[in-house]
Amino acid sequence: MSIDTLVSRSDFAGAFKAVKPHVIPKTERFLDVLRNVEIRFFEDHLTMTATNRYTLAEARVNYLGENRLPSETGETAILVNVDDLAYAVKRPNVVSQLSVQVKENALVLDYTTEAPLDTDSSFPKLSHLWPAEGTEVEVSSISIDPKYLAMFDSRNLARSKSETSHVGLKLTFRGQSKPVALSFSDHFRGLVMPVRTS
């Protein structure tokens, strides 16, 4: 597997900032796979996904300009430990573009910073949880744990100051026992599990 593409440095860092709160804490030792962020590469964009079992977050980053991966590449997914990814993302650089490569067993940022891949784990298959268009329903009441809802703070999701004050978090309800879908602008979506009250 070999991938080489360019993205906006601020968008990549913003995507990581949006999904990082949804990684499980280090104290939950039996779920090491959920200490990872899944990065999935598509033809014209990549996504970062993280989950802690109660929330799910996915942020999208478009490739720059005409930069595309071959369509026959299909979807390619890798797992990177959140701490390794945090170290790679925070390295200072004044260039606005970020080179993102996958080589052998590492994610390589800016040709020099490597974050090892977790090749021993498999991320949960979660794509079936995303709501299909037109599945909204009227719900008379639903309970959501505030600490999980707070993980979707717009200050973590926004990629600019204007988004923070002008873009709202849209919630979509599909039933009292189904996850509540959240979306913010065109680059973030998430799910939060409702709380059972009976």
Protein backbone atom coordinates (compact mmCIF):
# COMPACT_ATOMS: atom_id res chain seq x y z
CA MET A 1 0.00 0.00 0.00
CA SER A 2 1.48 3.35 -1.04
CA ILE A 3 -0.35 6.68 -0.82
CA ASP A 4 0.99 10.16 -1.49
CA THR A 5 -1.24 13.24 -1.41
CA LEU A 6 -1.40 16.88 -0.30
CA VAL A 7 -3.89 18.51 2.06
CA SER A 8 -4.25 21.81 3.89
CA ARG A 9 -2.20 21.66 7.09
CA SER A 10 -4.87 23.57 9.04
CA ASP A 11 -7.69 21.32 7.76
CA PHE A 12 -5.76 18.17 8.71
CA ALA A 13 -5.02 19.55 12.18
CA GLY A 14 -8.65 20.71 12.49
CA ALA A 15 -9.94 17.24 11.60
CA PHE A 16 -7.72 15.69 14.24
CA LYS A 17 -8.88 18.25 16.82
CA ALA A 18 -12.51 17.37 16.01
CA VAL A 19 -12.16 13.60 16.44
CA LYS A 20 -9.59 13.43 19.25
CA PRO A 21 -12.12 13.92 22.12
CA HIS A 22 -13.90 10.75 20.96
CA VAL A 23 -10.92 8.42 21.49
CA ILE A 24 -11.27 6.33 24.64
CA PRO A 25 -9.08 7.33 27.61
CA LYS A 26 -5.90 5.40 28.38
CA THR A 27 -7.50 4.00 31.52
CA GLU A 28 -9.74 1.67 29.49
CA ARG A 29 -6.99 -0.84 28.80
CA PHE A 30 -9.13 -3.60 27.35
CA LEU A 31 -10.15 -1.54 24.32
CA ASP A 32 -6.76 -0.58 22.90
CA VAL A 33 -8.10 -0.53 19.34
CA LEU A 34 -10.24 2.49 20.29
CA ARG A 35 -7.07 4.41 21.19
CA ASN A 36 -6.60 4.58 17.43
CA VAL A 37 -7.84 7.05 14.84
CA GLU A 38 -8.89 5.47 11.59
CA ILE A 39 -7.75 7.42 8.51
CA ARG A 40 -9.53 6.36 5.35
CA PHE A 41 -8.33 7.53 1.94
CA PHE A 42 -10.75 8.09 -0.93
CA GLU A 43 -10.17 9.37 -4.47
CA ASP A 44 -10.51 13.08 -3.60
CA HIS A 45 -10.51 13.25 0.22
CA LEU A 46 -9.62 11.49 3.43
CA THR A 47 -11.59 11.01 6.63
CA MET A 48 -10.52 10.63 10.26
CA THR A 49 -12.79 8.60 12.51
CA ALA A 50 -12.72 7.93 16.26
CA THR A 51 -15.14 6.32 18.70
CA ASN A 52 -15.41 5.62 22.41
CA ARG A 53 -18.50 3.36 22.12
CA TYR A 54 -20.87 6.18 23.15
CA THR A 55 -19.93 8.72 20.49
CA LEU A 56 -18.59 8.47 16.96
CA ALA A 57 -16.88 11.32 15.13
CA GLU A 58 -15.80 11.63 11.50
CA ALA A 59 -14.04 14.62 9.95
CA ARG A 60 -13.38 15.09 6.23
CA VAL A 61 -10.30 16.67 4.62
CA ASN A 62 -10.28 17.36 0.87
CA TYR A 63 -7.09 16.97 -1.14
CA LEU A 64 -5.64 20.19 -2.51
CA GLY A 65 -6.22 21.36 -6.09
CA GLU A 66 -6.34 18.64 -8.73
CA ASN A 67 -4.60 16.21 -6.40
CA ARG A 68 -6.34 12.83 -6.68
CA LEU A 69 -5.64 9.23 -5.84
CA PRO A 70 -6.22 6.69 -8.62
CA SER A 71 -9.84 5.55 -8.57
CA GLU A 72 -8.73 1.92 -8.71
CA THR A 73 -7.08 2.44 -5.32
CA GLY A 74 -10.56 2.29 -3.83
CA GLU A 75 -10.89 2.94 -0.13
CA THR A 76 -7.74 2.41 1.91
CA ALA A 77 -7.93 2.56 5.70
CA ILE A 78 -5.13 2.72 8.27
CA LEU A 79 -5.09 2.88 12.08
CA VAL A 80 -2.80 5.28 13.94
CA ASN A 81 -2.51 5.57 17.71
CA VAL A 82 -3.93 8.90 18.89
CA ASP A 83 -0.75 9.83 20.78
CA ASP A 84 1.51 9.13 17.79
CA LEU A 85 -0.82 11.12 15.54
CA ALA A 86 -0.95 14.01 18.02
CA TYR A 87 2.84 14.21 18.04
CA ALA A 88 3.01 14.18 14.24
CA VAL A 89 0.27 16.81 13.84
CA LYS A 90 1.65 19.30 16.36
CA ARG A 91 5.13 19.60 14.83
CA PRO A 92 5.59 23.24 13.83
CA ASN A 93 5.88 24.16 10.16
CA VAL A 94 5.18 27.41 8.33
CA VAL A 95 4.14 25.78 5.05
CA SER A 96 0.37 25.70 4.51
CA GLN A 97 0.41 22.42 2.58
CA LEU A 98 0.88 19.07 4.28
CA SER A 99 2.23 16.00 2.53
CA VAL A 100 0.41 12.86 3.66
CA GLN A 101 1.96 9.55 2.72
CA VAL A 102 1.46 5.93 3.69
CA LYS A 103 4.59 3.85 3.27
CA GLU A 104 5.07 0.31 4.51
CA ASN A 105 3.97 0.43 8.16
CA ALA A 106 3.88 4.18 8.81
CA LEU A 107 1.92 7.35 8.15
CA VAL A 108 4.47 9.93 7.00
CA LEU A 109 3.69 13.65 7.34
CA ASP A 110 5.88 16.27 5.65
CA TYR A 111 8.19 13.53 4.36
CA THR A 112 9.90 13.28 7.77
CA THR A 113 7.50 12.72 10.67
CA GLU A 114 6.43 9.11 10.99
CA ALA A 115 3.56 7.66 13.01
CA PRO A 116 3.57 3.85 13.10
CA LEU A 117 0.46 2.03 11.93
CA ASP A 118 -1.42 -0.41 14.14
CA THR A 119 -1.52 -3.39 11.79
CA ASP A 120 -2.58 -5.87 14.47
CA SER A 121 -6.00 -4.38 15.20
CA SER A 122 -9.13 -3.86 13.17
CA PHE A 123 -11.37 -0.85 13.67
CA PRO A 124 -15.06 -1.59 14.28
CA LYS A 125 -17.23 -1.62 11.14
CA LEU A 126 -19.38 1.43 11.77
CA SER A 127 -20.50 2.70 8.37
CA HIS A 128 -23.93 1.08 8.77
CA LEU A 129 -24.64 3.41 11.71
CA TRP A 130 -24.73 6.56 9.56
CA PRO A 131 -28.34 7.55 8.83
CA ALA A 132 -29.67 7.35 5.32
CA GLU A 133 -31.26 10.46 3.84
CA GLY A 134 -34.87 10.97 4.87
CA THR A 135 -34.79 8.75 7.97
CA GLU A 136 -35.60 11.53 10.42
CA VAL A 137 -38.54 10.97 12.75
CA GLU A 138 -40.36 13.11 15.29
CA VAL A 139 -39.30 12.25 18.82
CA SER A 140 -41.30 13.50 21.79
CA SER A 141 -38.34 13.19 24.15
CA ILE A 142 -34.86 11.70 24.15
CA SER A 143 -32.11 11.71 26.76
CA ILE A 144 -28.48 12.38 25.89
CA ASP A 145 -25.67 12.38 28.45
CA PRO A 146 -24.38 16.01 28.53
CA LYS A 147 -20.75 14.91 28.83
CA TYR A 148 -21.00 13.11 25.48
CA LEU A 149 -22.85 15.96 23.81
CA ALA A 150 -20.15 18.35 25.07
CA MET A 151 -17.58 16.43 23.01
CA PHE A 152 -19.16 18.02 19.94
CA ASP A 153 -18.16 21.55 21.00
CA SER A 154 -18.19 23.82 17.92
CA ARG A 155 -14.83 25.27 18.97
CA ASN A 156 -13.32 21.85 18.20
CA LEU A 157 -15.29 21.40 14.98
CA ALA A 158 -14.91 24.82 13.35
CA ARG A 159 -12.12 25.43 10.86
CA SER A 160 -12.46 29.22 11.08
CA LYS A 161 -13.72 31.83 13.54
CA SER A 162 -16.69 32.61 11.32
CA GLU A 163 -17.78 28.95 11.43
CA THR A 164 -17.71 29.04 15.22
CA SER A 165 -20.27 31.85 15.36
CA HIS A 166 -22.29 31.24 12.17
CA VAL A 167 -22.59 27.47 11.75
CA GLY A 168 -24.81 25.45 14.04
CA LEU A 169 -24.63 21.82 15.02
CA LYS A 170 -27.50 19.99 13.31
CA LEU A 171 -29.06 17.08 15.21
CA THR A 172 -31.08 14.39 13.44
CA PHE A 173 -33.30 12.05 15.45
CA ARG A 174 -34.20 8.60 14.08
CA GLY A 175 -35.94 7.05 17.06
CA GLN A 176 -35.57 6.83 20.82
CA SER A 177 -33.21 3.84 20.79
CA LYS A 178 -31.09 4.87 17.78
CA PRO A 179 -27.99 7.08 17.81
CA VAL A 180 -28.61 10.79 17.34
CA ALA A 181 -26.79 12.03 14.23
CA LEU A 182 -24.93 15.34 14.33
CA SER A 183 -23.41 17.34 11.50
CA PHE A 184 -21.41 20.55 11.35
CA SER A 185 -20.75 22.34 8.07
CA ASP A 186 -19.81 19.94 5.26
CA HIS A 187 -16.72 18.47 6.89
CA PHE A 188 -17.90 16.83 10.13
CA ARG A 189 -20.50 14.32 11.23
CA GLY A 190 -20.99 12.35 14.40
CA LEU A 191 -23.24 10.07 16.40
CA VAL A 192 -24.12 10.01 20.08
CA MET A 193 -25.96 7.18 21.82
CA PRO A 194 -29.10 8.12 23.74
CA VAL A 195 -29.33 7.29 27.44
CA ARG A 196 -31.79 4.62 28.53
CA THR A 197 -34.15 6.16 31.04
CA SER A 198 -36.18 3.11 31.95
